Amino acid sequence: MDAGKETLTNFAEEWWRLYAVPNLAPKTLKVYADLWDRYVLPRLGGYPLRNLTPEVLARFRADLAAAGVGDPTIRKLMSIVQGVLQRAVEWHRLTTNPARAVRKPPQKRMRRIEPPSPLAVERMRARLRANGRLRDATLVCVLAYAGLRPGEALALEWQHIGERTILIEGAVALGNVKETKTRQTRSVRLLAPLATDVAEWRLACGRPDGTTLVFPGLEGRPWADHDWRNWRKRVYAPVADAVQLDGSRPYDLRHAFCSLLIAEGLSVVEIAQQAGHSPAMTLATYAHVIEELAGTERRPAEAVIRDARDKLVSEMCPPATRQRHH
C-alpha cells in the first residue's frame, strides 16, 4: 500500500547509489547527472512515483520542447527517466513503467561517415613531425592505423604493444583508466608502418618499462578531460584543417582504419572484431564504404599506407632529394 509514495528525487538518489555508480561509466554518470539536475529535477523531482503517469511524462516532454530543448537531448532525457522508473518496477515501488507509454523523438539518421584517406593522415603526420611533435604524430597514427577509440589509445601501456598486435584492455575516462566501452578486451593488428612509428616514439622516450603509458599526461598520469579537450582544440584541429579535413574529430581517424580493412576485403565480422563493436554496428556505419569499394582491387593495408607515404615524399621533395631518400 505504501509503494510509490516516495518522491522521484528520493528514489533517484537510491537508484544512483545502487545501480548507476556500479554499472555506468564515469563519463556516462557525468552526462546523466548534468541532464538530471538541469531538466528532470526541477520539473519532476517533487512527484511521488505513483503520480508519474503517462500524461505527466507526456507533459514533461512537451514542456522540454516548448523550452527549446533539442530532440536528441529530449530523447536522452526520456531514456534516463524510463531507465530510472524501470528500476522502480523491478524494486517493487511501481507495478508498471509509465515512461514506456510516452513516445520519444525519433532517432535521427547517423551522419554519413567520410573516412580520412591515408594520404590525409600522412600529411597530418608529416606536419606534426616537422613541428617537433613526435608524440602527437604517433597518436594520430595509432588512431588512424589501429582503429582505437581515443580513450583506448590514451590507456595503452608499452606492455600492450606486441610484435604484431596491440592489446586493448582499458580506456581513459575523466583522468582514470577504466574498462573499455564494451567492457571487453581485444587485440588489433599492428601494421608494419605503425610499428615503425611506435618504435621510434619509444626510443625517443628513453625505452620506458612496460607499465609506462605510451601517451602519458602530466607526471606520467592518464590525461585528464581538460587535457584531451585542449589537445583536440590546439593540436588536432589546426593540423586537420591544414590538410582540408575541416571539422574532423580525432575519433574520425578510427574510420580510416576500418576503411583500410574494408579495402583489404575483410568480412563484416572480422572488421567488427578489430573495431570492437558488433557486426550490426559495423554494417550500419560502413555500408556505403563497403558498397563503394565492392569490386575494386583488394590491397593490403600496409601497402596502401606505404604508397601514401611515398606519394607524400614525392609531393614534398625535389627530384634530387627524392633520389637520396630512396
Protein backbone atom coordinates (compact mmCIF):
# COMPACT_ATOMS: atom_id res chain seq x y z
CA MET A 1 0.00 0.00 0.00
CA ASP A 2 2.91 2.34 0.66
CA ALA A 3 4.74 1.56 -2.58
CA GLY A 4 5.42 4.58 -4.75
CA LYS A 5 4.87 7.24 -2.08
CA GLU A 6 8.50 8.39 -2.12
CA THR A 7 9.37 11.22 -4.48
CA LEU A 8 11.30 10.77 -7.68
CA THR A 9 14.14 12.79 -6.12
CA ASN A 10 14.48 10.39 -3.19
CA PHE A 11 14.21 7.30 -5.34
CA ALA A 12 16.75 8.67 -7.84
CA GLU A 13 19.28 9.06 -5.04
CA GLU A 14 18.86 5.36 -4.24
CA TRP A 15 18.99 4.44 -7.93
CA TRP A 16 22.22 6.41 -8.30
CA ARG A 17 23.90 4.66 -5.38
CA LEU A 18 22.73 1.10 -6.05
CA TYR A 19 22.53 0.99 -9.84
CA ALA A 20 24.17 3.88 -11.65
CA VAL A 21 27.53 4.10 -9.88
CA PRO A 22 28.27 0.32 -10.01
CA ASN A 23 27.15 -0.11 -13.64
CA LEU A 24 27.72 3.05 -15.67
CA ALA A 25 30.93 4.54 -17.00
CA PRO A 26 32.24 7.76 -15.37
CA LYS A 27 31.54 9.87 -18.46
CA THR A 28 28.00 8.48 -18.65
CA LEU A 29 27.46 9.27 -14.98
CA LYS A 30 28.60 12.85 -15.53
CA VAL A 31 26.25 13.31 -18.50
CA TYR A 32 23.33 11.77 -16.62
CA ALA A 33 23.95 13.92 -13.54
CA ASP A 34 24.13 17.13 -15.58
CA LEU A 35 20.94 16.36 -17.51
CA TRP A 36 19.07 15.20 -14.42
CA ASP A 37 19.93 18.27 -12.35
CA ARG A 38 19.19 20.68 -15.17
CA TYR A 39 15.98 19.27 -16.64
CA VAL A 40 14.40 16.46 -14.61
CA LEU A 41 14.82 17.55 -11.01
CA PRO A 42 13.12 20.98 -11.37
CA ARG A 43 10.15 19.56 -13.29
CA LEU A 44 9.55 16.07 -11.87
CA GLY A 45 11.64 15.76 -8.72
CA GLY A 46 8.81 16.50 -6.29
CA TYR A 47 6.35 13.99 -7.77
CA PRO A 48 5.68 10.80 -5.80
CA LEU A 49 6.49 7.82 -8.00
CA ARG A 50 2.84 6.69 -8.07
CA ASN A 51 1.82 10.07 -9.51
CA LEU A 52 4.14 9.84 -12.50
CA THR A 53 1.51 8.86 -15.04
CA PRO A 54 1.99 8.68 -18.80
CA GLU A 55 0.14 12.00 -19.04
CA VAL A 56 2.53 13.70 -16.60
CA LEU A 57 5.52 12.40 -18.53
CA ALA A 58 3.98 13.44 -21.86
CA ARG A 59 3.57 16.95 -20.47
CA PHE A 60 7.19 16.80 -19.30
CA ARG A 61 8.30 16.02 -22.85
CA ALA A 62 6.12 18.79 -24.30
CA ASP A 63 7.46 21.27 -21.74
CA LEU A 64 11.03 20.45 -22.77
CA ALA A 65 10.21 21.00 -26.43
CA ALA A 66 8.48 24.31 -25.64
CA ALA A 67 11.59 25.40 -23.74
CA GLY A 68 13.69 24.88 -26.87
CA VAL A 69 15.42 21.68 -25.79
CA GLY A 70 16.57 19.76 -28.87
CA ASP A 71 15.19 16.37 -29.88
CA PRO A 72 18.44 14.44 -29.17
CA THR A 73 18.51 15.82 -25.61
CA ILE A 74 14.81 15.10 -25.08
CA ARG A 75 15.33 11.56 -26.31
CA LYS A 76 18.23 11.10 -23.90
CA LEU A 77 16.20 12.55 -21.00
CA MET A 78 13.21 10.32 -21.67
CA SER A 79 15.52 7.30 -21.83
CA ILE A 80 17.08 8.23 -18.48
CA VAL A 81 13.68 8.66 -16.83
CA GLN A 82 12.47 5.38 -18.31
CA GLY A 83 15.59 3.61 -17.02
CA VAL A 84 15.14 5.02 -13.50
CA LEU A 85 11.47 4.04 -13.42
CA GLN A 86 12.27 0.57 -14.71
CA ARG A 87 14.37 0.02 -11.60
CA ALA A 88 11.37 1.26 -9.57
CA VAL A 89 9.30 -1.51 -11.15
CA GLU A 90 11.96 -4.14 -10.52
CA TRP A 91 12.32 -2.99 -6.90
CA HIS A 92 8.53 -3.18 -6.38
CA ARG A 93 7.89 0.54 -5.99
CA LEU A 94 5.73 0.62 -9.13
CA THR A 95 3.69 -2.01 -10.94
CA THR A 96 4.29 -0.63 -14.43
CA ASN A 97 6.69 1.80 -16.07
CA PRO A 98 4.69 4.88 -17.18
CA ALA A 99 7.54 6.16 -19.35
CA ARG A 100 7.14 3.25 -21.75
CA ALA A 101 3.86 4.70 -22.96
CA VAL A 102 5.38 8.07 -23.93
CA ARG A 103 6.83 8.32 -27.42
CA LYS A 104 10.35 9.65 -27.71
CA PRO A 105 11.56 11.91 -30.54
CA PRO A 106 12.73 9.72 -33.44
CA GLN A 107 16.39 8.82 -33.68
CA LYS A 108 17.93 10.95 -36.38
CA ARG A 109 19.89 9.24 -39.11
CA MET A 110 23.60 8.87 -38.38
CA ARG A 111 25.74 11.30 -40.34
CA ARG A 112 27.48 9.79 -43.32
CA ILE A 113 30.96 8.58 -42.45
CA GLU A 114 33.73 10.01 -44.61
CA PRO A 115 36.91 8.16 -43.58
CA PRO A 116 40.09 10.26 -43.81
CA SER A 117 42.31 8.96 -46.58
CA PRO A 118 45.75 7.54 -45.77
CA LEU A 119 47.29 10.47 -47.69
CA ALA A 120 45.43 12.95 -45.46
CA VAL A 121 46.62 11.08 -42.37
CA GLU A 122 50.19 11.13 -43.70
CA ARG A 123 50.00 14.86 -44.30
CA MET A 124 48.92 15.35 -40.69
CA ARG A 125 51.73 13.08 -39.50
CA ALA A 126 54.30 14.97 -41.56
CA ARG A 127 53.19 18.39 -40.31
CA LEU A 128 53.28 17.29 -36.68
CA ARG A 129 56.71 15.70 -37.04
CA ALA A 130 58.04 18.79 -38.79
CA ASN A 131 56.92 20.84 -35.77
CA GLY A 132 58.71 18.53 -33.35
CA ARG A 133 55.51 16.85 -32.20
CA LEU A 134 56.54 13.21 -32.48
CA ARG A 135 54.18 12.17 -29.70
CA ASP A 136 51.19 13.79 -31.41
CA ALA A 137 52.14 12.34 -34.81
CA THR A 138 52.33 8.87 -33.27
CA LEU A 139 48.99 9.29 -31.50
CA VAL A 140 47.34 10.31 -34.78
CA CYS A 141 48.76 7.20 -36.45
CA VAL A 142 47.60 4.90 -33.63
CA LEU A 143 44.07 6.26 -34.02
CA ALA A 144 44.11 6.03 -37.81
CA TYR A 145 46.03 2.78 -38.37
CA ALA A 146 44.89 0.70 -35.39
CA GLY A 147 41.33 2.00 -35.08
CA LEU A 148 41.47 2.68 -31.37
CA ARG A 149 38.98 4.96 -29.69
CA PRO A 150 40.79 7.99 -28.22
CA GLY A 151 40.29 6.80 -24.64
CA GLU A 152 41.70 3.39 -25.57
CA ALA A 153 44.81 4.93 -27.13
CA LEU A 154 45.45 7.05 -24.03
CA ALA A 155 45.20 3.96 -21.80
CA LEU A 156 47.85 1.99 -23.71
CA GLU A 157 50.90 0.86 -21.79
CA TRP A 158 54.08 -0.26 -23.53
CA GLN A 159 53.41 -3.83 -22.48
CA HIS A 160 50.28 -3.74 -24.65
CA ILE A 161 52.37 -3.23 -27.81
CA GLY A 162 53.37 -6.62 -29.22
CA GLU A 163 55.32 -7.53 -32.32
CA ARG A 164 52.23 -7.99 -34.46
CA THR A 165 49.28 -6.90 -32.29
CA ILE A 166 48.10 -4.23 -29.87
CA LEU A 167 46.15 -5.35 -26.81
CA ILE A 168 43.30 -3.08 -25.76
CA GLU A 169 42.01 -3.75 -22.25
CA GLY A 170 41.18 -0.30 -20.88
CA ALA A 171 40.22 3.27 -21.70
CA VAL A 172 40.89 6.63 -20.08
CA ALA A 173 37.81 8.44 -18.79
CA LEU A 174 37.97 11.61 -16.70
CA GLY A 175 41.62 11.07 -15.86
CA ASN A 176 41.36 7.40 -14.85
CA VAL A 177 41.87 4.12 -16.68
CA LYS A 178 38.64 2.15 -16.72
CA GLU A 179 37.17 -0.72 -18.71
CA THR A 180 36.71 -0.32 -22.45
CA LYS A 181 33.39 0.93 -23.79
CA THR A 182 32.26 -2.66 -24.44
CA ARG A 183 33.85 -3.95 -21.20
CA GLN A 184 35.82 -6.43 -23.26
CA THR A 185 39.45 -6.76 -24.25
CA ARG A 186 40.53 -7.21 -27.85
CA SER A 187 43.65 -7.39 -29.97
CA VAL A 188 44.13 -5.45 -33.19
CA ARG A 189 46.71 -5.86 -35.92
CA LEU A 190 49.87 -3.80 -35.59
CA LEU A 191 50.51 -2.75 -39.17
CA ALA A 192 54.19 -2.53 -40.08
CA PRO A 193 54.29 1.25 -40.80
CA LEU A 194 52.62 1.91 -37.45
CA ALA A 195 55.01 -0.48 -35.69
CA THR A 196 57.91 1.61 -37.03
CA ASP A 197 56.33 4.84 -35.77
CA VAL A 198 55.62 3.40 -32.32
CA ALA A 199 59.16 2.01 -32.03
CA GLU A 200 60.60 5.43 -32.92
CA TRP A 201 58.43 7.07 -30.27
CA ARG A 202 59.51 4.56 -27.62
CA LEU A 203 63.17 5.20 -28.46
CA ALA A 204 62.57 8.95 -28.15
CA CYS A 205 61.01 8.32 -24.71
CA GLY A 206 64.13 6.53 -23.49
CA ARG A 207 62.78 2.97 -23.75
CA PRO A 208 60.37 3.14 -20.77
CA ASP A 209 59.29 -0.02 -18.97
CA GLY A 210 56.18 -1.98 -19.85
CA THR A 211 53.85 -0.42 -17.30
CA THR A 212 54.50 3.14 -18.52
CA LEU A 213 51.75 4.78 -20.54
CA VAL A 214 52.54 5.12 -24.24
CA PHE A 215 51.00 8.62 -24.24
CA PRO A 216 51.31 9.84 -20.65
CA GLY A 217 49.84 13.06 -19.34
CA LEU A 218 51.31 15.31 -16.67
CA GLU A 219 53.63 13.48 -14.27
CA GLY A 220 53.07 10.26 -16.20
CA ARG A 221 49.39 10.04 -15.28
CA PRO A 222 46.46 9.45 -17.66
CA TRP A 223 45.17 12.51 -19.46
CA ALA A 224 42.50 14.49 -17.63
CA ASP A 225 39.40 15.50 -19.55
CA HIS A 226 40.63 19.09 -19.97
CA ASP A 227 43.98 17.78 -21.29
CA TRP A 228 42.14 15.97 -24.07
CA ARG A 229 39.94 18.95 -24.91
CA ASN A 230 42.99 21.21 -25.12
CA TRP A 231 44.83 18.75 -27.37
CA ARG A 232 41.84 18.38 -29.65
CA LYS A 233 41.43 22.16 -29.95
CA ARG A 234 45.04 23.36 -30.03
CA VAL A 235 46.87 20.49 -31.73
CA TYR A 236 44.50 18.29 -33.67
CA ALA A 237 42.02 20.82 -35.09
CA PRO A 238 44.63 23.15 -36.66
CA VAL A 239 46.54 20.34 -38.36
CA ALA A 240 43.31 18.69 -39.55
CA ASP A 241 42.13 21.98 -41.05
CA ALA A 242 45.52 22.44 -42.71
CA VAL A 243 45.07 19.21 -44.69
CA GLN A 244 41.45 20.02 -45.62
CA LEU A 245 39.84 17.78 -43.01
CA ASP A 246 37.66 20.66 -41.85
CA GLY A 247 35.56 19.82 -38.81
CA SER A 248 37.29 16.47 -38.31
CA ARG A 249 37.39 14.95 -34.84
CA PRO A 250 40.14 12.65 -33.55
CA TYR A 251 37.50 9.91 -33.31
CA ASP A 252 37.03 10.15 -37.09
CA LEU A 253 40.53 8.73 -37.59
CA ARG A 254 39.16 5.40 -36.38
CA HIS A 255 37.11 5.23 -39.56
CA ALA A 256 40.31 5.35 -41.62
CA PHE A 257 41.41 2.02 -40.12
CA CYS A 258 38.06 0.38 -40.79
CA SER A 259 38.10 1.60 -44.40
CA LEU A 260 41.58 0.08 -44.83
CA LEU A 261 40.22 -3.26 -43.62
CA ILE A 262 37.26 -3.00 -45.98
CA ALA A 263 39.66 -2.31 -48.86
CA GLU A 264 41.54 -5.49 -47.92
CA GLY A 265 38.35 -7.48 -48.34
CA LEU A 266 37.81 -8.47 -44.71
CA SER A 267 34.34 -9.63 -43.72
CA VAL A 268 31.99 -7.52 -41.61
CA VAL A 269 32.56 -9.87 -38.67
CA GLU A 270 36.35 -9.55 -38.95
CA ILE A 271 36.15 -5.76 -39.15
CA ALA A 272 33.83 -5.66 -36.14
CA GLN A 273 36.28 -7.74 -34.11
CA GLN A 274 39.10 -5.35 -34.90
CA ALA A 275 36.99 -2.24 -34.25
CA GLY A 276 35.49 -3.52 -31.01
CA HIS A 277 31.81 -3.28 -31.82
CA SER A 278 29.04 -5.50 -33.17
CA PRO A 279 28.76 -6.65 -36.81
CA ALA A 280 25.39 -4.87 -36.97
CA MET A 281 27.03 -1.59 -35.94
CA THR A 282 29.81 -2.14 -38.48
CA LEU A 283 27.33 -2.69 -41.28
CA ALA A 284 25.18 0.29 -40.28
CA THR A 285 28.20 2.59 -40.07
CA TYR A 286 30.18 1.49 -43.12
CA ALA A 287 27.58 0.12 -45.55
CA HIS A 288 28.22 2.92 -48.05
CA VAL A 289 32.01 2.40 -47.83
CA ILE A 290 31.58 -1.35 -48.40
CA GLU A 291 29.33 -0.65 -51.38
CA GLU A 292 31.74 1.89 -52.86
CA LEU A 293 34.71 -0.49 -52.62
CA ALA A 294 32.79 -3.52 -53.91
CA GLY A 295 34.51 -4.97 -56.97
CA THR A 296 37.69 -2.92 -56.56
CA GLU A 297 41.15 -4.42 -56.31
CA ARG A 298 41.91 -5.72 -52.83
CA ARG A 299 45.09 -4.26 -51.37
CA PRO A 300 46.86 -4.90 -48.07
CA ALA A 301 46.51 -2.02 -45.62
CA GLU A 302 50.27 -1.84 -45.12
CA ALA A 303 50.83 -1.37 -48.86
CA VAL A 304 48.23 1.42 -49.01
CA ILE A 305 49.92 3.27 -46.13
CA ARG A 306 53.38 2.88 -47.66
CA ASP A 307 52.10 4.17 -51.00
CA ALA A 308 50.64 7.21 -49.24
CA ARG A 309 53.99 7.89 -47.54
CA ASP A 310 55.84 7.54 -50.82
CA LYS A 311 53.40 9.88 -52.55
CA LEU A 312 53.82 12.45 -49.80
CA VAL A 313 57.61 12.28 -50.20
CA SER A 314 57.15 12.87 -53.93
CA GLU A 315 54.99 15.91 -53.21
CA MET A 316 57.37 17.42 -50.68
CA CYS A 317 60.82 16.60 -52.04
CA PRO A 318 62.51 17.91 -55.21
CA PRO A 319 63.78 15.17 -57.59
CA ALA A 320 67.40 15.20 -56.27
CA THR A 321 66.26 14.89 -52.65
CA ARG A 322 63.74 12.21 -53.62
CA GLN A 323 66.53 10.13 -55.17
CA ARG A 324 68.59 10.33 -51.99
CA HIS A 325 65.51 9.39 -49.94
CA HIS A 326 65.07 6.17 -51.94
